[in-house]
Amino acid sequence: MPVAAIEALVEAIAQHQQLSTVAETLELLEVHIEQLKSSTPNPISLSAGTDLFQRYLVATLTRPASVNLGPADDFRAIRNHLLSNGRLFVDRAKASREKIASFGKHFIRDGTTILTNGGSRVVSALLKRAAESSTIRFKVVYVLSPSQSADSREGHQTVADLRAHNVPVATIPASAVAYSLGKIDMVIVGAEGVVENGGIISRLGTYQIGLLAKSKGKAFYVVAESHKFVRLYPLSQFDLPIKQNVLDFKVSEDEGVADVGSPATAESSGSNPDDAVDFTPPDLISGIITESGVLTPSAVSEELIKIWF
């Protein structure tokens, strides 16, 4: 989602060729970012990408050489340079998944059994890259989310891709995580956002996997691209910038039936368990694997400072 959002912003700037000032460009960018954020009930990962891209554009457009613009042609040259670098930004963001896969595969040793969930593309890429190695043989336990069946799109695709690479995969419901941990060597999960305190926001159920893994002394690794680092500092499950209807108290089964299947909004996101997220605090995380290397949770704030300042 963050990469798609950045691509949309680059295309928006490219389509508005009448832009002739810094102010107009930044105003257009702000309008489109707000449109993108309002289009999804959970804009956390999207915000990470758009905010980072906006920061990049502001730094580019407000350079001293760009503030005192002369003829229109001067701004046109700056705009073309901006678009070129914007597309390069997107290409690098897309390539980060493969960089993580190449680097992260070394964490998987022969004979390892890995537990994962959520259908993360970067996790899937890492596991497939490890499977392509002739020296590494491993197994995967895939945790299906509450409303998933064995043939659901997300679960089926992830499992099918791994099995196509000759990786033995077992699928389990979330209620079987504790039961399965005795056979697990490590947990590898993705994230929608890596927050300032080193915790992550990810698919609902990731927090409980982290708690159980910690109780059994199992390593819990997160794989996430740097464009998913977001400037948030949640302290609890109920301190996220979205409202979720996970705890839906009722006095009868019929209450609220009219709302079933209705589109989620910023006020009621999470009516579908597959859309809900939770916060996994940093003390449960062994390490965060990025395209730049492995970070400890305590190093995330320093990394954010590098990115933003």
C-alpha atoms as a PDB file:
ATOM      1  CA  MET A   1       0.000   0.000   0.000  1.00  0.00           C
ATOM      2  CA  PRO A   2       2.677   2.630   0.793  1.00  0.00           C
ATOM      3  CA  VAL A   3       4.462   2.006  -2.513  1.00  0.00           C
ATOM      4  CA  ALA A   4       1.198   2.165  -4.468  1.00  0.00           C
ATOM      5  CA  ALA A   5       0.359   5.428  -2.716  1.00  0.00           C
ATOM      6  CA  ILE A   6       3.739   6.944  -3.597  1.00  0.00           C
ATOM      7  CA  GLU A   7       3.283   5.858  -7.224  1.00  0.00           C
ATOM      8  CA  ALA A   8      -0.118   7.579  -7.240  1.00  0.00           C
ATOM      9  CA  LEU A   9       1.418  10.812  -5.943  1.00  0.00           C
ATOM     10  CA  VAL A  10       4.176  10.760  -8.571  1.00  0.00           C
ATOM     11  CA  GLU A  11       1.563  10.211 -11.282  1.00  0.00           C
ATOM     12  CA  ALA A  12      -0.586  13.060  -9.918  1.00  0.00           C
ATOM     13  CA  ILE A  13       2.336  15.473 -10.180  1.00  0.00           C
ATOM     14  CA  ALA A  14       3.120  14.209 -13.679  1.00  0.00           C
ATOM     15  CA  GLN A  15      -0.478  14.754 -14.845  1.00  0.00           C
ATOM     16  CA  HIS A  16      -0.684  18.345 -13.537  1.00  0.00           C
ATOM     17  CA  GLN A  17       1.695  19.965 -15.972  1.00  0.00           C
ATOM     18  CA  GLN A  18       0.244  23.415 -15.257  1.00  0.00           C
ATOM     19  CA  LEU A  19       2.012  23.527 -11.876  1.00  0.00           C
ATOM     20  CA  SER A  20       4.410  26.460 -11.846  1.00  0.00           C
ATOM     21  CA  THR A  21       5.286  27.126  -8.202  1.00  0.00           C
ATOM     22  CA  VAL A  22       6.448  25.310  -5.105  1.00  0.00           C
ATOM     23  CA  ALA A  23       3.269  26.301  -3.243  1.00  0.00           C
ATOM     24  CA  GLU A  24       1.012  24.829  -5.931  1.00  0.00           C
ATOM     25  CA  THR A  25       2.964  21.581  -5.975  1.00  0.00           C
ATOM     26  CA  LEU A  26       2.861  21.164  -2.195  1.00  0.00           C
ATOM     27  CA  GLU A  27      -0.840  22.053  -2.069  1.00  0.00           C
ATOM     28  CA  LEU A  28      -1.631  19.446  -4.748  1.00  0.00           C
ATOM     29  CA  LEU A  29       0.401  16.890  -2.853  1.00  0.00           C
ATOM     30  CA  GLU A  30      -1.442  17.619   0.402  1.00  0.00           C
ATOM     31  CA  VAL A  31      -4.859  17.267  -1.252  1.00  0.00           C
ATOM     32  CA  HIS A  32      -4.011  13.918  -2.803  1.00  0.00           C
ATOM     33  CA  ILE A  33      -2.440  12.576   0.394  1.00  0.00           C
ATOM     34  CA  GLU A  34      -5.615  13.395   2.323  1.00  0.00           C
ATOM     35  CA  GLN A  35      -7.675  11.699  -0.399  1.00  0.00           C
ATOM     36  CA  LEU A  36      -5.563   8.569  -0.171  1.00  0.00           C
ATOM     37  CA  LYS A  37      -5.715   8.460   3.629  1.00  0.00           C
ATOM     38  CA  SER A  38      -9.488   8.913   3.675  1.00  0.00           C
ATOM     39  CA  SER A  39      -9.958   6.113   1.138  1.00  0.00           C
ATOM     40  CA  THR A  40      -9.009   3.344   3.583  1.00  0.00           C
ATOM     41  CA  PRO A  41     -10.195   2.558   7.115  1.00  0.00           C
ATOM     42  CA  ASN A  42      -6.633   1.776   8.174  1.00  0.00           C
ATOM     43  CA  PRO A  43      -4.187   4.302   6.665  1.00  0.00           C
ATOM     44  CA  ILE A  44      -1.220   3.466   8.923  1.00  0.00           C
ATOM     45  CA  SER A  45       1.055   1.828   6.343  1.00  0.00           C
ATOM     46  CA  LEU A  46      -0.142   4.232   3.654  1.00  0.00           C
ATOM     47  CA  SER A  47       0.683   7.196   5.885  1.00  0.00           C
ATOM     48  CA  ALA A  48       4.202   5.889   6.466  1.00  0.00           C
ATOM     49  CA  GLY A  49       4.895   5.957   2.731  1.00  0.00           C
ATOM     50  CA  THR A  50       3.116   9.199   1.854  1.00  0.00           C
ATOM     51  CA  ASP A  51       4.570  11.134   4.797  1.00  0.00           C
ATOM     52  CA  LEU A  52       8.087   9.996   3.920  1.00  0.00           C
ATOM     53  CA  PHE A  53       7.577  10.922   0.261  1.00  0.00           C
ATOM     54  CA  GLN A  54       6.104  14.287   1.245  1.00  0.00           C
ATOM     55  CA  ARG A  55       9.156  14.959   3.404  1.00  0.00           C
ATOM     56  CA  TYR A  56      11.375  14.090   0.462  1.00  0.00           C
ATOM     57  CA  LEU A  57       9.500  16.450  -1.850  1.00  0.00           C
ATOM     58  CA  VAL A  58       9.528  19.300   0.653  1.00  0.00           C
ATOM     59  CA  ALA A  59      13.298  18.915   1.051  1.00  0.00           C
ATOM     60  CA  THR A  60      13.729  18.931  -2.738  1.00  0.00           C
ATOM     61  CA  LEU A  61      11.370  21.800  -3.529  1.00  0.00           C
ATOM     62  CA  THR A  62      12.451  24.121  -0.743  1.00  0.00           C
ATOM     63  CA  ARG A  63      16.172  24.012  -1.408  1.00  0.00           C
ATOM     64  CA  PRO A  64      17.620  27.536  -1.555  1.00  0.00           C
ATOM     65  CA  ALA A  65      18.094  27.179  -5.314  1.00  0.00           C
ATOM     66  CA  SER A  66      14.416  26.326  -5.684  1.00  0.00           C
ATOM     67  CA  VAL A  67      12.831  28.960  -3.494  1.00  0.00           C
ATOM     68  CA  ASN A  68      13.722  32.014  -5.554  1.00  0.00           C
ATOM     69  CA  LEU A  69      12.361  30.744  -8.840  1.00  0.00           C
ATOM     70  CA  GLY A  70      12.991  32.719 -11.964  1.00  0.00           C
ATOM     71  CA  PRO A  71      11.291  32.042 -15.321  1.00  0.00           C
ATOM     72  CA  ALA A  72       8.722  29.254 -15.642  1.00  0.00           C
ATOM     73  CA  ASP A  73      11.289  27.124 -17.439  1.00  0.00           C
ATOM     74  CA  ASP A  74      13.355  27.018 -14.247  1.00  0.00           C
ATOM     75  CA  PHE A  75      10.521  25.424 -12.330  1.00  0.00           C
ATOM     76  CA  ARG A  76       9.832  23.032 -15.211  1.00  0.00           C
ATOM     77  CA  ALA A  77      13.373  21.727 -14.924  1.00  0.00           C
ATOM     78  CA  ILE A  78      12.964  21.310 -11.170  1.00  0.00           C
ATOM     79  CA  ARG A  79       9.632  19.533 -11.695  1.00  0.00           C
ATOM     80  CA  ASN A  80      11.153  17.106 -14.204  1.00  0.00           C
ATOM     81  CA  HIS A  81      14.024  16.422 -11.821  1.00  0.00           C
ATOM     82  CA  LEU A  82      11.482  15.859  -9.058  1.00  0.00           C
ATOM     83  CA  LEU A  83       9.502  13.363 -11.133  1.00  0.00           C
ATOM     84  CA  SER A  84      12.658  11.511 -12.113  1.00  0.00           C
ATOM     85  CA  ASN A  85      13.756  11.195  -8.500  1.00  0.00           C
ATOM     86  CA  GLY A  86      10.213  10.318  -7.426  1.00  0.00           C
ATOM     87  CA  ARG A  87      10.159   7.363  -9.798  1.00  0.00           C
ATOM     88  CA  LEU A  88      13.615   6.355  -8.575  1.00  0.00           C
ATOM     89  CA  PHE A  89      12.236   6.521  -5.016  1.00  0.00           C
ATOM     90  CA  VAL A  90       9.448   4.100  -6.039  1.00  0.00           C
ATOM     91  CA  ASP A  91      11.862   1.722  -7.771  1.00  0.00           C
ATOM     92  CA  ARG A  92      14.067   1.587  -4.688  1.00  0.00           C
ATOM     93  CA  ALA A  93      11.064   0.972  -2.459  1.00  0.00           C
ATOM     94  CA  LYS A  94       9.982  -1.946  -4.643  1.00  0.00           C
ATOM     95  CA  ALA A  95      13.500  -3.363  -4.697  1.00  0.00           C
ATOM     96  CA  SER A  96      13.721  -3.273  -0.895  1.00  0.00           C
ATOM     97  CA  ARG A  97      11.582  -6.426  -0.616  1.00  0.00           C
ATOM     98  CA  GLU A  98      14.104  -8.442  -2.610  1.00  0.00           C
ATOM     99  CA  LYS A  99      17.004  -6.948  -0.647  1.00  0.00           C
ATOM    100  CA  ILE A 100      15.362  -8.056   2.579  1.00  0.00           C
ATOM    101  CA  ALA A 101      14.759 -11.519   1.118  1.00  0.00           C
ATOM    102  CA  SER A 102      18.421 -11.864   0.088  1.00  0.00           C
ATOM    103  CA  PHE A 103      19.661 -10.699   3.467  1.00  0.00           C
ATOM    104  CA  GLY A 104      17.038 -12.308   5.689  1.00  0.00           C
ATOM    105  CA  LYS A 105      17.360 -15.807   4.253  1.00  0.00           C
ATOM    106  CA  HIS A 106      20.585 -16.201   6.239  1.00  0.00           C
ATOM    107  CA  PHE A 107      18.546 -16.213   9.443  1.00  0.00           C
ATOM    108  CA  ILE A 108      16.973 -19.508   8.405  1.00  0.00           C
ATOM    109  CA  ARG A 109      19.091 -22.556   9.123  1.00  0.00           C
ATOM    110  CA  ASP A 110      18.748 -26.071   7.832  1.00  0.00           C
ATOM    111  CA  GLY A 111      16.103 -28.036   9.731  1.00  0.00           C
ATOM    112  CA  THR A 112      14.341 -24.930  11.100  1.00  0.00           C
ATOM    113  CA  THR A 113      10.574 -24.770  11.603  1.00  0.00           C
ATOM    114  CA  ILE A 114       9.138 -21.262  11.231  1.00  0.00           C
ATOM    115  CA  LEU A 115       5.777 -19.895  12.299  1.00  0.00           C
ATOM    116  CA  THR A 116       4.261 -16.984  10.390  1.00  0.00           C
ATOM    117  CA  ASN A 117       0.911 -15.289   9.766  1.00  0.00           C
ATOM    118  CA  GLY A 118      -0.751 -12.458   7.873  1.00  0.00           C
ATOM    119  CA  GLY A 119       0.208 -13.211   4.285  1.00  0.00           C
ATOM    120  CA  SER A 120       3.045 -10.659   4.282  1.00  0.00           C
ATOM    121  CA  ARG A 121       4.615 -10.344   0.829  1.00  0.00           C
ATOM    122  CA  VAL A 122       8.037  -9.566   2.216  1.00  0.00           C
ATOM    123  CA  VAL A 123       7.897 -12.598   4.528  1.00  0.00           C
ATOM    124  CA  SER A 124       6.803 -14.753   1.605  1.00  0.00           C
ATOM    125  CA  ALA A 125       9.666 -13.403  -0.536  1.00  0.00           C
ATOM    126  CA  LEU A 126      12.183 -14.137   2.225  1.00  0.00           C
ATOM    127  CA  LEU A 127      10.936 -17.707   2.716  1.00  0.00           C
ATOM    128  CA  LYS A 128      10.872 -18.401  -1.014  1.00  0.00           C
ATOM    129  CA  ARG A 129      14.410 -17.070  -1.395  1.00  0.00           C
ATOM    130  CA  ALA A 130      15.558 -19.362   1.425  1.00  0.00           C
ATOM    131  CA  ALA A 131      13.766 -22.293  -0.249  1.00  0.00           C
ATOM    132  CA  GLU A 132      15.732 -21.673  -3.448  1.00  0.00           C
ATOM    133  CA  SER A 133      18.930 -22.442  -1.585  1.00  0.00           C
ATOM    134  CA  SER A 134      20.008 -26.057  -1.979  1.00  0.00           C
ATOM    135  CA  THR A 135      21.555 -26.048   1.491  1.00  0.00           C
ATOM    136  CA  ILE A 136      18.501 -24.963   3.496  1.00  0.00           C
ATOM    137  CA  ARG A 137      15.559 -27.228   4.232  1.00  0.00           C
ATOM    138  CA  PHE A 138      12.864 -25.911   6.540  1.00  0.00           C
ATOM    139  CA  LYS A 139       9.191 -26.175   7.416  1.00  0.00           C
ATOM    140  CA  VAL A 140       6.541 -23.498   7.886  1.00  0.00           C
ATOM    141  CA  VAL A 141       3.535 -23.313  10.178  1.00  0.00           C
ATOM    142  CA  TYR A 142       1.096 -20.772   8.748  1.00  0.00           C
ATOM    143  CA  VAL A 143      -1.493 -19.279  11.122  1.00  0.00           C
ATOM    144  CA  LEU A 144      -4.828 -18.649   9.432  1.00  0.00           C
ATOM    145  CA  SER A 145      -6.667 -15.547  10.632  1.00  0.00           C
ATOM    146  CA  PRO A 146     -10.048 -16.072  12.357  1.00  0.00           C
ATOM    147  CA  SER A 147     -12.311 -15.804   9.312  1.00  0.00           C
ATOM    148  CA  GLN A 148     -10.009 -17.667   6.924  1.00  0.00           C
ATOM    149  CA  SER A 149     -10.610 -21.156   5.664  1.00  0.00           C
ATOM    150  CA  ALA A 150      -7.969 -23.390   4.108  1.00  0.00           C
ATOM    151  CA  ASP A 151      -8.951 -22.233   0.635  1.00  0.00           C
ATOM    152  CA  SER A 152      -9.176 -18.478   1.362  1.00  0.00           C
ATOM    153  CA  ARG A 153      -7.330 -16.261  -1.090  1.00  0.00           C
ATOM    154  CA  GLU A 154      -4.637 -14.899   1.195  1.00  0.00           C
ATOM    155  CA  GLY A 155      -3.921 -18.081   3.126  1.00  0.00           C
ATOM    156  CA  HIS A 156      -4.130 -20.311   0.082  1.00  0.00           C
ATOM    157  CA  GLN A 157      -1.816 -18.136  -2.013  1.00  0.00           C
ATOM    158  CA  THR A 158       0.919 -17.936   0.616  1.00  0.00           C
ATOM    159  CA  VAL A 159       0.747 -21.635   1.380  1.00  0.00           C
ATOM    160  CA  ALA A 160       0.570 -22.609  -2.302  1.00  0.00           C
ATOM    161  CA  ASP A 161       3.602 -20.462  -3.172  1.00  0.00           C
ATOM    162  CA  LEU A 162       5.696 -22.062  -0.448  1.00  0.00           C
ATOM    163  CA  ARG A 163       4.608 -25.600  -1.294  1.00  0.00           C
ATOM    164  CA  ALA A 164       5.423 -24.889  -4.949  1.00  0.00           C
ATOM    165  CA  HIS A 165       8.975 -24.274  -3.710  1.00  0.00           C
ATOM    166  CA  ASN A 166       8.931 -27.703  -1.982  1.00  0.00           C
ATOM    167  CA  VAL A 167       8.518 -26.194   1.486  1.00  0.00           C
ATOM    168  CA  PRO A 168       6.351 -28.378   3.774  1.00  0.00           C
ATOM    169  CA  VAL A 169       3.607 -26.148   5.214  1.00  0.00           C
ATOM    170  CA  ALA A 170       1.093 -26.860   7.965  1.00  0.00           C
ATOM    171  CA  THR A 171      -1.901 -24.526   8.405  1.00  0.00           C
ATOM    172  CA  ILE A 172      -3.356 -23.960  11.861  1.00  0.00           C
ATOM    173  CA  PRO A 173      -6.028 -21.724  13.423  1.00  0.00           C
ATOM    174  CA  ALA A 174      -4.959 -18.992  15.810  1.00  0.00           C
ATOM    175  CA  SER A 175      -6.174 -21.115  18.721  1.00  0.00           C
ATOM    176  CA  ALA A 176      -3.455 -23.703  17.975  1.00  0.00           C
ATOM    177  CA  VAL A 177      -0.459 -21.347  18.218  1.00  0.00           C
ATOM    178  CA  ALA A 178       0.426 -22.251  21.820  1.00  0.00           C
ATOM    179  CA  TYR A 179       0.013 -25.961  21.038  1.00  0.00           C
ATOM    180  CA  SER A 180       2.369 -25.669  18.052  1.00  0.00           C
ATOM    181  CA  LEU A 181       5.162 -23.688  19.699  1.00  0.00           C
ATOM    182  CA  GLY A 182       6.885 -26.827  20.948  1.00  0.00           C
ATOM    183  CA  LYS A 183       7.726 -27.606  17.309  1.00  0.00           C
ATOM    184  CA  ILE A 184       8.670 -24.047  16.358  1.00  0.00           C
ATOM    185  CA  ASP A 185      12.210 -22.650  16.251  1.00  0.00           C
ATOM    186  CA  MET A 186      11.409 -19.051  15.359  1.00  0.00           C
ATOM    187  CA  VAL A 187       8.605 -16.682  14.388  1.00  0.00           C
ATOM    188  CA  ILE A 188       8.885 -14.394  11.361  1.00  0.00           C
ATOM    189  CA  VAL A 189       6.145 -11.827  10.716  1.00  0.00           C
ATOM    190  CA  GLY A 190       5.607  -8.756   8.578  1.00  0.00           C
ATOM    191  CA  ALA A 191       4.291  -5.371   9.671  1.00  0.00           C
ATOM    192  CA  GLU A 192       1.997  -2.628   8.440  1.00  0.00           C
ATOM    193  CA  GLY A 193       4.036  -0.125  10.394  1.00  0.00           C
ATOM    194  CA  VAL A 194       7.147   0.001  12.577  1.00  0.00           C
ATOM    195  CA  VAL A 195       6.589   2.671  15.232  1.00  0.00           C
ATOM    196  CA  GLU A 196       8.985   4.956  17.080  1.00  0.00           C
ATOM    197  CA  ASN A 197       9.380   2.836  20.195  1.00  0.00           C
ATOM    198  CA  GLY A 198      10.408  -0.209  18.131  1.00  0.00           C
ATOM    199  CA  GLY A 199       7.066  -1.976  18.273  1.00  0.00           C
ATOM    200  CA  ILE A 200       5.010  -2.946  15.243  1.00  0.00           C
ATOM    201  CA  ILE A 201       1.447  -2.607  14.028  1.00  0.00           C
ATOM    202  CA  SER A 202       0.410  -5.767  12.235  1.00  0.00           C
ATOM    203  CA  ARG A 203      -2.433  -8.189  11.548  1.00  0.00           C
ATOM    204  CA  LEU A 204      -4.692  -8.911  14.533  1.00  0.00           C
ATOM    205  CA  GLY A 205      -3.262 -11.917  16.361  1.00  0.00           C
ATOM    206  CA  THR A 206       0.396 -10.964  15.937  1.00  0.00           C
ATOM    207  CA  TYR A 207       0.527  -9.596  19.486  1.00  0.00           C
ATOM    208  CA  GLN A 208      -0.637 -12.852  21.020  1.00  0.00           C
ATOM    209  CA  ILE A 209       1.855 -14.788  18.897  1.00  0.00           C
ATOM    210  CA  GLY A 210       4.567 -12.487  20.256  1.00  0.00           C
ATOM    211  CA  LEU A 211       3.434 -13.052  23.845  1.00  0.00           C
ATOM    212  CA  LEU A 212       3.392 -16.827  23.430  1.00  0.00           C
ATOM    213  CA  ALA A 213       6.749 -16.872  21.644  1.00  0.00           C
ATOM    214  CA  LYS A 214       8.305 -14.805  24.432  1.00  0.00           C
ATOM    215  CA  SER A 215       6.916 -17.149  27.096  1.00  0.00           C
ATOM    216  CA  LYS A 216       8.525 -20.113  25.332  1.00  0.00           C
ATOM    217  CA  GLY A 217      11.831 -18.378  24.580  1.00  0.00           C
ATOM    218  CA  LYS A 218      11.342 -18.414  20.815  1.00  0.00           C
ATOM    219  CA  ALA A 219      12.953 -15.756  18.599  1.00  0.00           C
ATOM    220  CA  PHE A 220      10.409 -13.321  17.131  1.00  0.00           C
ATOM    221  CA  TYR A 221      11.648 -11.506  14.032  1.00  0.00           C
ATOM    222  CA  VAL A 222       9.916  -8.781  12.053  1.00  0.00           C
ATOM    223  CA  VAL A 223      10.680  -8.110   8.388  1.00  0.00           C
ATOM    224  CA  ALA A 224       9.738  -4.633   7.181  1.00  0.00           C
ATOM    225  CA  GLU A 225      10.822  -2.173   4.538  1.00  0.00           C
ATOM    226  CA  SER A 226      12.077   1.217   5.732  1.00  0.00           C
ATOM    227  CA  HIS A 227       9.149   2.990   4.042  1.00  0.00           C
ATOM    228  CA  LYS A 228       6.938   1.331   6.671  1.00  0.00           C
ATOM    229  CA  PHE A 229       8.639   3.192   9.522  1.00  0.00           C
ATOM    230  CA  VAL A 230       5.951   5.498  10.841  1.00  0.00           C
ATOM    231  CA  ARG A 231       6.041   8.406  13.289  1.00  0.00           C
ATOM    232  CA  LEU A 232       3.674   6.995  15.898  1.00  0.00           C
ATOM    233  CA  TYR A 233       4.288   6.150  19.544  1.00  0.00           C
ATOM    234  CA  PRO A 234       1.467   3.884  20.761  1.00  0.00           C
ATOM    235  CA  LEU A 235       1.592   2.733  24.354  1.00  0.00           C
ATOM    236  CA  SER A 236      -1.159   0.127  24.231  1.00  0.00           C
ATOM    237  CA  GLN A 237      -3.594  -1.705  21.952  1.00  0.00           C
ATOM    238  CA  PHE A 238      -6.069   1.145  22.308  1.00  0.00           C
ATOM    239  CA  ASP A 239      -3.609   3.921  21.485  1.00  0.00           C
ATOM    240  CA  LEU A 240      -3.627   3.511  17.692  1.00  0.00           C
ATOM    241  CA  PRO A 241      -4.817   6.343  15.392  1.00  0.00           C
ATOM    242  CA  ILE A 242      -7.732   4.229  14.167  1.00  0.00           C
ATOM    243  CA  LYS A 243     -10.876   2.958  15.838  1.00  0.00           C
ATOM    244  CA  GLN A 244     -11.664  -0.723  15.601  1.00  0.00           C
ATOM    245  CA  ASN A 245     -14.804  -2.635  16.388  1.00  0.00           C
ATOM    246  CA  VAL A 246     -13.022  -5.736  17.662  1.00  0.00           C
ATOM    247  CA  LEU A 247     -14.778  -5.625  21.047  1.00  0.00           C
ATOM    248  CA  ASP A 248     -18.389  -5.347  19.944  1.00  0.00           C
ATOM    249  CA  PHE A 249     -20.490  -5.594  23.107  1.00  0.00           C
ATOM    250  CA  LYS A 250     -24.119  -6.638  22.601  1.00  0.00           C
ATOM    251  CA  VAL A 251     -27.055  -7.714  24.730  1.00  0.00           C
ATOM    252  CA  SER A 252     -28.558  -9.907  22.000  1.00  0.00           C
ATOM    253  CA  GLU A 253     -27.400 -11.720  18.880  1.00  0.00           C
ATOM    254  CA  ASP A 254     -29.755  -9.704  16.668  1.00  0.00           C
ATOM    255  CA  GLU A 255     -28.387  -6.343  17.762  1.00  0.00           C
ATOM    256  CA  GLY A 256     -26.439  -4.573  15.045  1.00  0.00           C
ATOM    257  CA  VAL A 257     -27.341  -7.049  12.287  1.00  0.00           C
ATOM    258  CA  ALA A 258     -28.013  -4.153   9.922  1.00  0.00           C
ATOM    259  CA  ASP A 259     -24.344  -3.205  10.133  1.00  0.00           C
ATOM    260  CA  VAL A 260     -23.032  -6.601   9.047  1.00  0.00           C
ATOM    261  CA  GLY A 261     -21.170  -6.335   5.776  1.00  0.00           C
ATOM    262  CA  SER A 262     -21.260  -2.545   5.732  1.00  0.00           C
ATOM    263  CA  PRO A 263     -18.048  -0.822   4.630  1.00  0.00           C
ATOM    264  CA  ALA A 264     -15.611  -0.093   7.408  1.00  0.00           C
ATOM    265  CA  THR A 265     -14.955   3.548   8.198  1.00  0.00           C
ATOM    266  CA  ALA A 266     -12.391   5.377  10.294  1.00  0.00           C
ATOM    267  CA  GLU A 267     -14.896   5.162  13.147  1.00  0.00           C
ATOM    268  CA  SER A 268     -15.753   1.485  12.743  1.00  0.00           C
ATOM    269  CA  SER A 269     -12.841  -0.232  11.039  1.00  0.00           C
ATOM    270  CA  GLY A 270     -12.104  -3.771  12.066  1.00  0.00           C
ATOM    271  CA  SER A 271     -15.635  -5.163  11.682  1.00  0.00           C
ATOM    272  CA  ASN A 272     -13.934  -7.793   9.536  1.00  0.00           C
ATOM    273  CA  PRO A 273     -11.304  -9.591  11.673  1.00  0.00           C
ATOM    274  CA  ASP A 274      -8.999  -9.800   8.643  1.00  0.00           C
ATOM    275  CA  ASP A 275      -8.852  -5.997   8.499  1.00  0.00           C
ATOM    276  CA  ALA A 276      -8.096  -5.435  12.173  1.00  0.00           C
ATOM    277  CA  VAL A 277      -4.601  -4.857  13.531  1.00  0.00           C
ATOM    278  CA  ASP A 278      -2.877  -4.952  16.885  1.00  0.00           C
ATOM    279  CA  PHE A 279       0.254  -3.472  18.435  1.00  0.00           C
ATOM    280  CA  THR A 280       3.172  -5.726  19.361  1.00  0.00           C
ATOM    281  CA  PRO A 281       5.445  -3.907  21.862  1.00  0.00           C
ATOM    282  CA  PRO A 282       9.221  -3.843  21.403  1.00  0.00           C
ATOM    283  CA  ASP A 283      10.020  -6.094  24.363  1.00  0.00           C
ATOM    284  CA  LEU A 284       8.552  -9.055  22.452  1.00  0.00           C
ATOM    285  CA  ILE A 285      10.654  -8.465  19.311  1.00  0.00           C
ATOM    286  CA  SER A 286      14.091 -10.067  18.826  1.00  0.00           C
ATOM    287  CA  GLY A 287      15.040  -8.015  15.789  1.00  0.00           C
ATOM    288  CA  ILE A 288      13.711  -6.072  12.799  1.00  0.00           C
ATOM    289  CA  ILE A 289      15.115  -7.123   9.428  1.00  0.00           C
ATOM    290  CA  THR A 290      15.178  -4.262   6.909  1.00  0.00           C
ATOM    291  CA  GLU A 291      16.858  -3.703   3.544  1.00  0.00           C
ATOM    292  CA  SER A 292      19.617  -1.847   5.426  1.00  0.00           C
ATOM    293  CA  GLY A 293      20.311  -4.602   7.937  1.00  0.00           C
ATOM    294  CA  VAL A 294      18.990  -5.835  11.267  1.00  0.00           C
ATOM    295  CA  LEU A 295      17.824  -3.345  13.870  1.00  0.00           C
ATOM    296  CA  THR A 296      17.095  -3.881  17.510  1.00  0.00           C
ATOM    297  CA  PRO A 297      13.778  -2.321  18.555  1.00  0.00           C
ATOM    298  CA  SER A 298      15.669   0.299  20.556  1.00  0.00           C
ATOM    299  CA  ALA A 299      17.438   1.466  17.371  1.00  0.00           C
ATOM    300  CA  VAL A 300      14.222   2.300  15.507  1.00  0.00           C
ATOM    301  CA  SER A 301      13.936   5.838  16.860  1.00  0.00           C
ATOM    302  CA  GLU A 302      17.494   6.577  15.702  1.00  0.00           C
ATOM    303  CA  GLU A 303      16.664   5.162  12.270  1.00  0.00           C
ATOM    304  CA  LEU A 304      13.598   7.398  12.054  1.00  0.00           C
ATOM    305  CA  ILE A 305      15.756  10.405  12.892  1.00  0.00           C
ATOM    306  CA  LYS A 306      18.080   9.472   9.992  1.00  0.00           C
ATOM    307  CA  ILE A 307      15.124   9.124   7.619  1.00  0.00           C
ATOM    308  CA  TRP A 308      13.362  12.322   8.635  1.00  0.00           C
ATOM    309  CA  PHE A 309      16.140  14.678   9.665  1.00  0.00           C
END
